[in-house]
PDB file of N, CA and C in Angstrom:
ATOM      1  N   UNK A   1      -2.853 -33.612   0.390  1.00  0.00           N
ATOM      2  CA  UNK A   1      -3.303 -33.229   1.728  1.00  0.00           C
ATOM      3  C   UNK A   1      -2.387 -32.156   2.337  1.00  0.00           C
ATOM      4  N   UNK A   2      -1.068 -32.303   2.134  1.00  0.00           N
ATOM      5  CA  UNK A   2      -0.149 -31.317   2.707  1.00  0.00           C
ATOM      6  C   UNK A   2      -0.332 -29.940   2.099  1.00  0.00           C
ATOM      7  N   UNK A   3      -0.660 -29.882   0.790  1.00  0.00           N
ATOM      8  CA  UNK A   3      -0.919 -28.577   0.180  1.00  0.00           C
ATOM      9  C   UNK A   3      -2.089 -27.896   0.860  1.00  0.00           C
ATOM     10  N   UNK A   4      -3.128 -28.668   1.158  1.00  0.00           N
ATOM     11  CA  UNK A   4      -4.317 -28.122   1.811  1.00  0.00           C
ATOM     12  C   UNK A   4      -4.000 -27.676   3.231  1.00  0.00           C
ATOM     13  N   UNK A   5      -3.193 -28.446   3.922  1.00  0.00           N
ATOM     14  CA  UNK A   5      -2.786 -28.095   5.280  1.00  0.00           C
ATOM     15  C   UNK A   5      -1.897 -26.848   5.280  1.00  0.00           C
ATOM     16  N   UNK A   6      -1.038 -26.749   4.285  1.00  0.00           N
ATOM     17  CA  UNK A   6      -0.088 -25.639   4.235  1.00  0.00           C
ATOM     18  C   UNK A   6      -0.735 -24.319   3.825  1.00  0.00           C
ATOM     19  N   UNK A   7      -1.824 -24.365   3.108  1.00  0.00           N
ATOM     20  CA  UNK A   7      -2.440 -23.143   2.567  1.00  0.00           C
ATOM     21  C   UNK A   7      -2.726 -22.074   3.635  1.00  0.00           C
ATOM     22  N   UNK A   8      -3.442 -22.385   4.735  1.00  0.00           N
ATOM     23  CA  UNK A   8      -3.677 -21.329   5.735  1.00  0.00           C
ATOM     24  C   UNK A   8      -2.397 -20.913   6.459  1.00  0.00           C
ATOM     25  N   UNK A   9      -1.484 -21.856   6.637  1.00  0.00           N
ATOM     26  CA  UNK A   9      -0.211 -21.513   7.272  1.00  0.00           C
ATOM     27  C   UNK A   9       0.583 -20.584   6.358  1.00  0.00           C
ATOM     28  N   UNK A  10       0.620 -20.907   5.067  1.00  0.00           N
ATOM     29  CA  UNK A  10       1.317 -20.069   4.096  1.00  0.00           C
ATOM     30  C   UNK A  10       0.724 -18.675   4.014  1.00  0.00           C
ATOM     31  N   UNK A  11      -0.596 -18.584   4.112  1.00  0.00           N
ATOM     32  CA  UNK A  11      -1.259 -17.278   4.087  1.00  0.00           C
ATOM     33  C   UNK A  11      -0.841 -16.439   5.294  1.00  0.00           C
ATOM     34  N   UNK A  12      -0.852 -17.050   6.461  1.00  0.00           N
ATOM     35  CA  UNK A  12      -0.430 -16.337   7.667  1.00  0.00           C
ATOM     36  C   UNK A  12       1.023 -15.928   7.611  1.00  0.00           C
ATOM     37  N   UNK A  13       1.875 -16.824   7.104  1.00  0.00           N
ATOM     38  CA  UNK A  13       3.290 -16.496   6.964  1.00  0.00           C
ATOM     39  C   UNK A  13       3.492 -15.377   5.949  1.00  0.00           C
ATOM     40  N   UNK A  14       2.675 -15.344   4.906  1.00  0.00           N
ATOM     41  CA  UNK A  14       2.767 -14.276   3.911  1.00  0.00           C
ATOM     42  C   UNK A  14       2.450 -12.913   4.507  1.00  0.00           C
ATOM     43  N   UNK A  15       1.427 -12.863   5.350  1.00  0.00           N
ATOM     44  CA  UNK A  15       1.069 -11.607   6.021  1.00  0.00           C
ATOM     45  C   UNK A  15       2.205 -11.171   6.944  1.00  0.00           C
ATOM     46  N   UNK A  16       2.718 -12.114   7.720  1.00  0.00           N
ATOM     47  CA  UNK A  16       3.831 -11.813   8.613  1.00  0.00           C
ATOM     48  C   UNK A  16       5.056 -11.363   7.821  1.00  0.00           C
ATOM     49  N   UNK A  17       5.349 -12.037   6.717  1.00  0.00           N
ATOM     50  CA  UNK A  17       6.482 -11.668   5.881  1.00  0.00           C
ATOM     51  C   UNK A  17       6.324 -10.291   5.268  1.00  0.00           C
ATOM     52  N   UNK A  18       5.119  -9.943   4.844  1.00  0.00           N
ATOM     53  CA  UNK A  18       4.860  -8.613   4.296  1.00  0.00           C
ATOM     54  C   UNK A  18       5.092  -7.519   5.312  1.00  0.00           C
ATOM     55  N   UNK A  19       4.627  -7.767   6.519  1.00  0.00           N
ATOM     56  CA  UNK A  19       4.848  -6.791   7.592  1.00  0.00           C
ATOM     57  C   UNK A  19       6.342  -6.646   7.889  1.00  0.00           C
ATOM     58  N   UNK A  20       7.032  -7.798   8.005  1.00  0.00           N
ATOM     59  CA  UNK A  20       8.460  -7.781   8.292  1.00  0.00           C
ATOM     60  C   UNK A  20       9.235  -7.060   7.192  1.00  0.00           C
ATOM     61  N   UNK A  21       8.904  -7.334   5.948  1.00  0.00           N
ATOM     62  CA  UNK A  21       9.583  -6.680   4.827  1.00  0.00           C
ATOM     63  C   UNK A  21       9.360  -5.168   4.861  1.00  0.00           C
ATOM     64  N   UNK A  22       8.146  -4.745   5.173  1.00  0.00           N
ATOM     65  CA  UNK A  22       7.864  -3.314   5.283  1.00  0.00           C
ATOM     66  C   UNK A  22       8.708  -2.646   6.353  1.00  0.00           C
ATOM     67  N   UNK A  23       8.875  -3.316   7.478  1.00  0.00           N
ATOM     68  CA  UNK A  23       9.696  -2.775   8.554  1.00  0.00           C
ATOM     69  C   UNK A  23      11.169  -2.698   8.150  1.00  0.00           C
ATOM     70  N   UNK A  24      11.654  -3.729   7.461  1.00  0.00           N
ATOM     71  CA  UNK A  24      13.050  -3.728   7.008  1.00  0.00           C
ATOM     72  C   UNK A  24      13.276  -2.586   6.017  1.00  0.00           C
ATOM     73  N   UNK A  25      12.352  -2.406   5.082  1.00  0.00           N
ATOM     74  CA  UNK A  25      12.485  -1.330   4.093  1.00  0.00           C
ATOM     75  C   UNK A  25      12.510   0.031   4.789  1.00  0.00           C
ATOM     76  N   UNK A  26      11.639   0.236   5.772  1.00  0.00           N
ATOM     77  CA  UNK A  26      11.631   1.511   6.502  1.00  0.00           C
ATOM     78  C   UNK A  26      12.973   1.777   7.169  1.00  0.00           C
ATOM     79  N   UNK A  27      13.534   0.745   7.790  1.00  0.00           N
ATOM     80  CA  UNK A  27      14.822   0.917   8.477  1.00  0.00           C
ATOM     81  C   UNK A  27      15.957   1.166   7.489  1.00  0.00           C
ATOM     82  N   UNK A  28      15.977   0.415   6.401  1.00  0.00           N
ATOM     83  CA  UNK A  28      17.033   0.597   5.402  1.00  0.00           C
ATOM     84  C   UNK A  28      16.934   1.986   4.795  1.00  0.00           C
ATOM     85  N   UNK A  29      15.750   2.379   4.394  1.00  0.00           N
ATOM     86  CA  UNK A  29      15.588   3.698   3.783  1.00  0.00           C
ATOM     87  C   UNK A  29      15.895   4.801   4.797  1.00  0.00           C
ATOM     88  N   UNK A  30      15.469   4.617   6.029  1.00  0.00           N
ATOM     89  CA  UNK A  30      15.753   5.605   7.068  1.00  0.00           C
ATOM     90  C   UNK A  30      17.242   5.779   7.295  1.00  0.00           C
ATOM     91  N   UNK A  31      17.986   4.673   7.244  1.00  0.00           N
ATOM     92  CA  UNK A  31      19.441   4.762   7.417  1.00  0.00           C
ATOM     93  C   UNK A  31      20.089   5.444   6.217  1.00  0.00           C
ATOM     94  N   UNK A  32      19.552   5.230   5.033  1.00  0.00           N
ATOM     95  CA  UNK A  32      20.126   5.823   3.819  1.00  0.00           C
ATOM     96  C   UNK A  32      19.794   7.302   3.680  1.00  0.00           C
ATOM     97  N   UNK A  33      18.605   7.683   4.132  1.00  0.00           N
ATOM     98  CA  UNK A  33      18.156   9.053   3.878  1.00  0.00           C
ATOM     99  C   UNK A  33      17.970   9.863   5.162  1.00  0.00           C
ATOM    100  N   UNK A  34      18.583   9.431   6.230  1.00  0.00           N
ATOM    101  CA  UNK A  34      18.553  10.160   7.501  1.00  0.00           C
ATOM    102  C   UNK A  34      17.142  10.331   8.053  1.00  0.00           C
ATOM    103  N   UNK A  35      16.351   9.269   8.020  1.00  0.00           N
ATOM    104  CA  UNK A  35      15.061   9.265   8.690  1.00  0.00           C
ATOM    105  C   UNK A  35      13.860   9.638   7.859  1.00  0.00           C
ATOM    106  N   UNK A  36      14.029   9.966   6.583  1.00  0.00           N
ATOM    107  CA  UNK A  36      12.870  10.301   5.755  1.00  0.00           C
ATOM    108  C   UNK A  36      11.995   9.066   5.528  1.00  0.00           C
ATOM    109  N   UNK A  37      10.712   9.300   5.294  1.00  0.00           N
ATOM    110  CA  UNK A  37       9.810   8.208   4.937  1.00  0.00           C
ATOM    111  C   UNK A  37      10.173   7.686   3.555  1.00  0.00           C
ATOM    112  N   UNK A  38       9.888   6.413   3.328  1.00  0.00           N
ATOM    113  CA  UNK A  38      10.140   5.809   2.026  1.00  0.00           C
ATOM    114  C   UNK A  38       9.207   6.443   1.003  1.00  0.00           C
ATOM    115  N   UNK A  39       9.745   6.988  -0.093  1.00  0.00           N
ATOM    116  CA  UNK A  39       8.876   7.634  -1.076  1.00  0.00           C
ATOM    117  C   UNK A  39       8.128   6.615  -1.921  1.00  0.00           C
ATOM    118  N   UNK A  40       6.985   7.040  -2.441  1.00  0.00           N
ATOM    119  CA  UNK A  40       6.306   6.211  -3.440  1.00  0.00           C
ATOM    120  C   UNK A  40       6.227   7.013  -4.731  1.00  0.00           C
ATOM    121  N   UNK A  41       5.719   6.390  -5.762  1.00  0.00           N
ATOM    122  CA  UNK A  41       5.756   6.979  -7.104  1.00  0.00           C
ATOM    123  C   UNK A  41       5.005   8.306  -7.205  1.00  0.00           C
ATOM    124  N   UNK A  42       4.071   8.558  -6.329  1.00  0.00           N
ATOM    125  CA  UNK A  42       3.267   9.776  -6.426  1.00  0.00           C
ATOM    126  C   UNK A  42       3.734  10.897  -5.497  1.00  0.00           C
ATOM    127  N   UNK A  43       4.879  10.726  -4.853  1.00  0.00           N
ATOM    128  CA  UNK A  43       5.425  11.801  -4.020  1.00  0.00           C
ATOM    129  C   UNK A  43       5.989  12.899  -4.931  1.00  0.00           C
ATOM    130  N   UNK A  44       5.282  13.995  -4.989  1.00  0.00           N
ATOM    131  CA  UNK A  44       5.631  15.081  -5.910  1.00  0.00           C
ATOM    132  C   UNK A  44       6.985  15.722  -5.584  1.00  0.00           C
ATOM    133  N   UNK A  45       7.341  15.751  -4.312  1.00  0.00           N
ATOM    134  CA  UNK A  45       8.562  16.434  -3.894  1.00  0.00           C
ATOM    135  C   UNK A  45       9.815  15.560  -3.957  1.00  0.00           C
ATOM    136  N   UNK A  46       9.694  14.336  -4.428  1.00  0.00           N
ATOM    137  CA  UNK A  46      10.838  13.414  -4.496  1.00  0.00           C
ATOM    138  C   UNK A  46      11.376  13.348  -5.917  1.00  0.00           C
ATOM    139  N   UNK A  47      12.668  13.102  -6.027  1.00  0.00           N
ATOM    140  CA  UNK A  47      13.291  12.994  -7.348  1.00  0.00           C
ATOM    141  C   UNK A  47      13.075  11.598  -7.915  1.00  0.00           C
ATOM    142  N   UNK A  48      13.306  11.475  -9.231  1.00  0.00           N
ATOM    143  CA  UNK A  48      13.235  10.161  -9.875  1.00  0.00           C
ATOM    144  C   UNK A  48      14.217   9.204  -9.217  1.00  0.00           C
ATOM    145  N   UNK A  49      15.405   9.703  -8.930  1.00  0.00           N
ATOM    146  CA  UNK A  49      16.440   8.859  -8.328  1.00  0.00           C
ATOM    147  C   UNK A  49      15.970   8.275  -7.000  1.00  0.00           C
ATOM    148  N   UNK A  50      15.370   9.105  -6.156  1.00  0.00           N
ATOM    149  CA  UNK A  50      14.876   8.626  -4.861  1.00  0.00           C
ATOM    150  C   UNK A  50      13.775   7.582  -5.037  1.00  0.00           C
ATOM    151  N   UNK A  51      12.844   7.861  -5.924  1.00  0.00           N
ATOM    152  CA  UNK A  51      11.705   6.957  -6.120  1.00  0.00           C
ATOM    153  C   UNK A  51      12.161   5.621  -6.688  1.00  0.00           C
ATOM    154  N   UNK A  52      13.050   5.647  -7.667  1.00  0.00           N
ATOM    155  CA  UNK A  52      13.520   4.395  -8.258  1.00  0.00           C
ATOM    156  C   UNK A  52      14.409   3.617  -7.294  1.00  0.00           C
ATOM    157  N   UNK A  53      15.215   4.309  -6.511  1.00  0.00           N
ATOM    158  CA  UNK A  53      16.033   3.623  -5.507  1.00  0.00           C
ATOM    159  C   UNK A  53      15.144   2.953  -4.460  1.00  0.00           C
ATOM    160  N   UNK A  54      14.129   3.662  -4.005  1.00  0.00           N
ATOM    161  CA  UNK A  54      13.213   3.089  -3.013  1.00  0.00           C
ATOM    162  C   UNK A  54      12.482   1.874  -3.588  1.00  0.00           C
ATOM    163  N   UNK A  55      12.060   1.955  -4.842  1.00  0.00           N
ATOM    164  CA  UNK A  55      11.374   0.830  -5.472  1.00  0.00           C
ATOM    165  C   UNK A  55      12.294  -0.380  -5.603  1.00  0.00           C
ATOM    166  N   UNK A  56      13.545  -0.153  -5.961  1.00  0.00           N
ATOM    167  CA  UNK A  56      14.506  -1.254  -6.088  1.00  0.00           C
ATOM    168  C   UNK A  56      14.765  -1.912  -4.731  1.00  0.00           C
ATOM    169  N   UNK A  57      14.907  -1.103  -3.701  1.00  0.00           N
ATOM    170  CA  UNK A  57      15.126  -1.630  -2.355  1.00  0.00           C
ATOM    171  C   UNK A  57      13.909  -2.431  -1.903  1.00  0.00           C
ATOM    172  N   UNK A  58      12.718  -1.873  -2.117  1.00  0.00           N
ATOM    173  CA  UNK A  58      11.501  -2.581  -1.729  1.00  0.00           C
ATOM    174  C   UNK A  58      11.385  -3.917  -2.443  1.00  0.00           C
ATOM    175  N   UNK A  59      11.641  -3.937  -3.738  1.00  0.00           N
ATOM    176  CA  UNK A  59      11.545  -5.182  -4.504  1.00  0.00           C
ATOM    177  C   UNK A  59      12.514  -6.230  -4.007  1.00  0.00           C
ATOM    178  N   UNK A  60      13.752  -5.834  -3.776  1.00  0.00           N
ATOM    179  CA  UNK A  60      14.763  -6.780  -3.304  1.00  0.00           C
ATOM    180  C   UNK A  60      14.423  -7.311  -1.916  1.00  0.00           C
ATOM    181  N   UNK A  61      14.031  -6.421  -1.026  1.00  0.00           N
ATOM    182  CA  UNK A  61      13.716  -6.842   0.344  1.00  0.00           C
ATOM    183  C   UNK A  61      12.486  -7.744   0.359  1.00  0.00           C
ATOM    184  N   UNK A  62      11.416  -7.349  -0.338  1.00  0.00           N
ATOM    185  CA  UNK A  62      10.200  -8.150  -0.329  1.00  0.00           C
ATOM    186  C   UNK A  62      10.432  -9.528  -0.933  1.00  0.00           C
ATOM    187  N   UNK A  63      11.181  -9.613  -2.025  1.00  0.00           N
ATOM    188  CA  UNK A  63      11.454 -10.911  -2.651  1.00  0.00           C
ATOM    189  C   UNK A  63      12.283 -11.799  -1.731  1.00  0.00           C
ATOM    190  N   UNK A  64      13.265 -11.210  -1.068  1.00  0.00           N
ATOM    191  CA  UNK A  64      14.121 -11.981  -0.167  1.00  0.00           C
ATOM    192  C   UNK A  64      13.338 -12.489   1.036  1.00  0.00           C
ATOM    193  N   UNK A  65      12.555 -11.623   1.656  1.00  0.00           N
ATOM    194  CA  UNK A  65      11.754 -12.016   2.816  1.00  0.00           C
ATOM    195  C   UNK A  65      10.719 -13.068   2.415  1.00  0.00           C
ATOM    196  N   UNK A  66      10.093 -12.907   1.246  1.00  0.00           N
ATOM    197  CA  UNK A  66       9.102 -13.880   0.787  1.00  0.00           C
ATOM    198  C   UNK A  66       9.735 -15.256   0.618  1.00  0.00           C
ATOM    199  N   UNK A  67      10.912 -15.308  -0.011  1.00  0.00           N
ATOM    200  CA  UNK A  67      11.604 -16.587  -0.190  1.00  0.00           C
ATOM    201  C   UNK A  67      11.967 -17.200   1.160  1.00  0.00           C
ATOM    202  N   UNK A  68      12.448 -16.383   2.080  1.00  0.00           N
ATOM    203  CA  UNK A  68      12.815 -16.857   3.403  1.00  0.00           C
ATOM    204  C   UNK A  68      11.611 -17.433   4.145  1.00  0.00           C
ATOM    205  N   UNK A  69      10.507 -16.710   4.126  1.00  0.00           N
ATOM    206  CA  UNK A  69       9.306 -17.143   4.838  1.00  0.00           C
ATOM    207  C   UNK A  69       8.700 -18.381   4.184  1.00  0.00           C
ATOM    208  N   UNK A  70       8.593 -18.403   2.859  1.00  0.00           N
ATOM    209  CA  UNK A  70       8.021 -19.553   2.161  1.00  0.00           C
ATOM    210  C   UNK A  70       8.849 -20.812   2.396  1.00  0.00           C
ATOM    211  N   UNK A  71      10.155 -20.685   2.266  1.00  0.00           N
ATOM    212  CA  UNK A  71      11.029 -21.849   2.438  1.00  0.00           C
ATOM    213  C   UNK A  71      11.003 -22.343   3.878  1.00  0.00           C
ATOM    214  N   UNK A  72      11.007 -21.424   4.833  1.00  0.00           N
ATOM    215  CA  UNK A  72      10.958 -21.811   6.246  1.00  0.00           C
ATOM    216  C   UNK A  72       9.647 -22.519   6.582  1.00  0.00           C
ATOM    217  N   UNK A  73       8.549 -22.007   6.058  1.00  0.00           N
ATOM    218  CA  UNK A  73       7.250 -22.646   6.299  1.00  0.00           C
ATOM    219  C   UNK A  73       7.183 -24.029   5.703  1.00  0.00           C
ATOM    220  N   UNK A  74       7.667 -24.197   4.485  1.00  0.00           N
ATOM    221  CA  UNK A  74       7.651 -25.507   3.842  1.00  0.00           C
ATOM    222  C   UNK A  74       8.552 -26.492   4.582  1.00  0.00           C
ATOM    223  N   UNK A  75       9.694 -26.013   5.045  1.00  0.00           N
ATOM    224  CA  UNK A  75      10.598 -26.874   5.809  1.00  0.00           C
ATOM    225  C   UNK A  75       9.953 -27.315   7.116  1.00  0.00           C
ATOM    226  N   UNK A  76       9.273 -26.402   7.785  1.00  0.00           N
ATOM    227  CA  UNK A  76       8.585 -26.749   9.037  1.00  0.00           C
ATOM    228  C   UNK A  76       7.485 -27.783   8.782  1.00  0.00           C
ATOM    229  N   UNK A  77       6.735 -27.629   7.707  1.00  0.00           N
ATOM    230  CA  UNK A  77       5.681 -28.599   7.382  1.00  0.00           C
ATOM    231  C   UNK A  77       6.304 -29.972   7.110  1.00  0.00           C
ATOM    232  N   UNK A  78       7.429 -29.997   6.407  1.00  0.00           N
ATOM    233  CA  UNK A  78       8.079 -31.290   6.144  1.00  0.00           C
ATOM    234  C   UNK A  78       8.535 -31.939   7.444  1.00  0.00           C
ATOM    235  N   UNK A  79       9.047 -31.165   8.371  1.00  0.00           N
ATOM    236  CA  UNK A  79       9.460 -31.725   9.668  1.00  0.00           C
ATOM    237  C   UNK A  79       8.270 -32.285  10.436  1.00  0.00           C
ATOM    238  N   UNK A  80       7.139 -31.613  10.335  1.00  0.00           N
ATOM    239  CA  UNK A  80       5.949 -32.039  11.070  1.00  0.00           C
ATOM    240  C   UNK A  80       5.285 -33.246  10.414  1.00  0.00           C
ATOM    241  N   UNK A  81       5.128 -33.191   9.087  1.00  0.00           N
ATOM    242  CA  UNK A  81       4.362 -34.231   8.389  1.00  0.00           C
ATOM    243  C   UNK A  81       5.215 -35.273   7.693  1.00  0.00           C
ATOM    244  N   UNK A  82       6.469 -34.959   7.427  1.00  0.00           N
ATOM    245  CA  UNK A  82       7.329 -35.897   6.729  1.00  0.00           C
ATOM    246  C   UNK A  82       7.346 -35.746   5.216  1.00  0.00           C
ATOM    247  N   UNK A  83       6.542 -34.828   4.670  1.00  0.00           N
ATOM    248  CA  UNK A  83       6.559 -34.619   3.212  1.00  0.00           C
ATOM    249  C   UNK A  83       6.492 -33.125   2.900  1.00  0.00           C
ATOM    250  N   UNK A  84       7.015 -32.794   1.727  1.00  0.00           N
ATOM    251  CA  UNK A  84       7.086 -31.408   1.269  1.00  0.00           C
ATOM    252  C   UNK A  84       5.706 -30.937   0.817  1.00  0.00           C
ATOM    253  N   UNK A  85       5.280 -29.717   1.178  1.00  0.00           N
ATOM    254  CA  UNK A  85       3.927 -29.261   0.840  1.00  0.00           C
ATOM    255  C   UNK A  85       3.739 -28.832  -0.606  1.00  0.00           C
ATOM    256  N   UNK A  86       4.780 -28.643  -1.383  1.00  0.00           N
ATOM    257  CA  UNK A  86       4.674 -28.137  -2.749  1.00  0.00           C
ATOM    258  C   UNK A  86       4.349 -29.189  -3.696  1.00  0.00           C
TER     259      UNK A  86
END
C-alpha cells in the first residue's frame, strides 16, 4: 500500500528535483565560465573539454539531487505512515 501511496508523491518530487538540479547546474556552470550557458553535445562552438566538463557536472548534480529528493520523500512517508515505501 505504501508503494502505491508513494508513487504520485515520488513523481512530483522527481519533477521538483529535476528542476532544482537544472538550476544548480546553471549556477555552477555560470560561476565556472563567467555566465555562459551550459553547453550541450551539439554546441558547435564549444570545445570537447567544455562539453565533457558540463556533462560530468550535470551527471553529478542530477544524481546527488535525485538521491536527496528520493531519500527525503521516503523518510517523510515513513514518518507519516510508520513504514518505508520501498
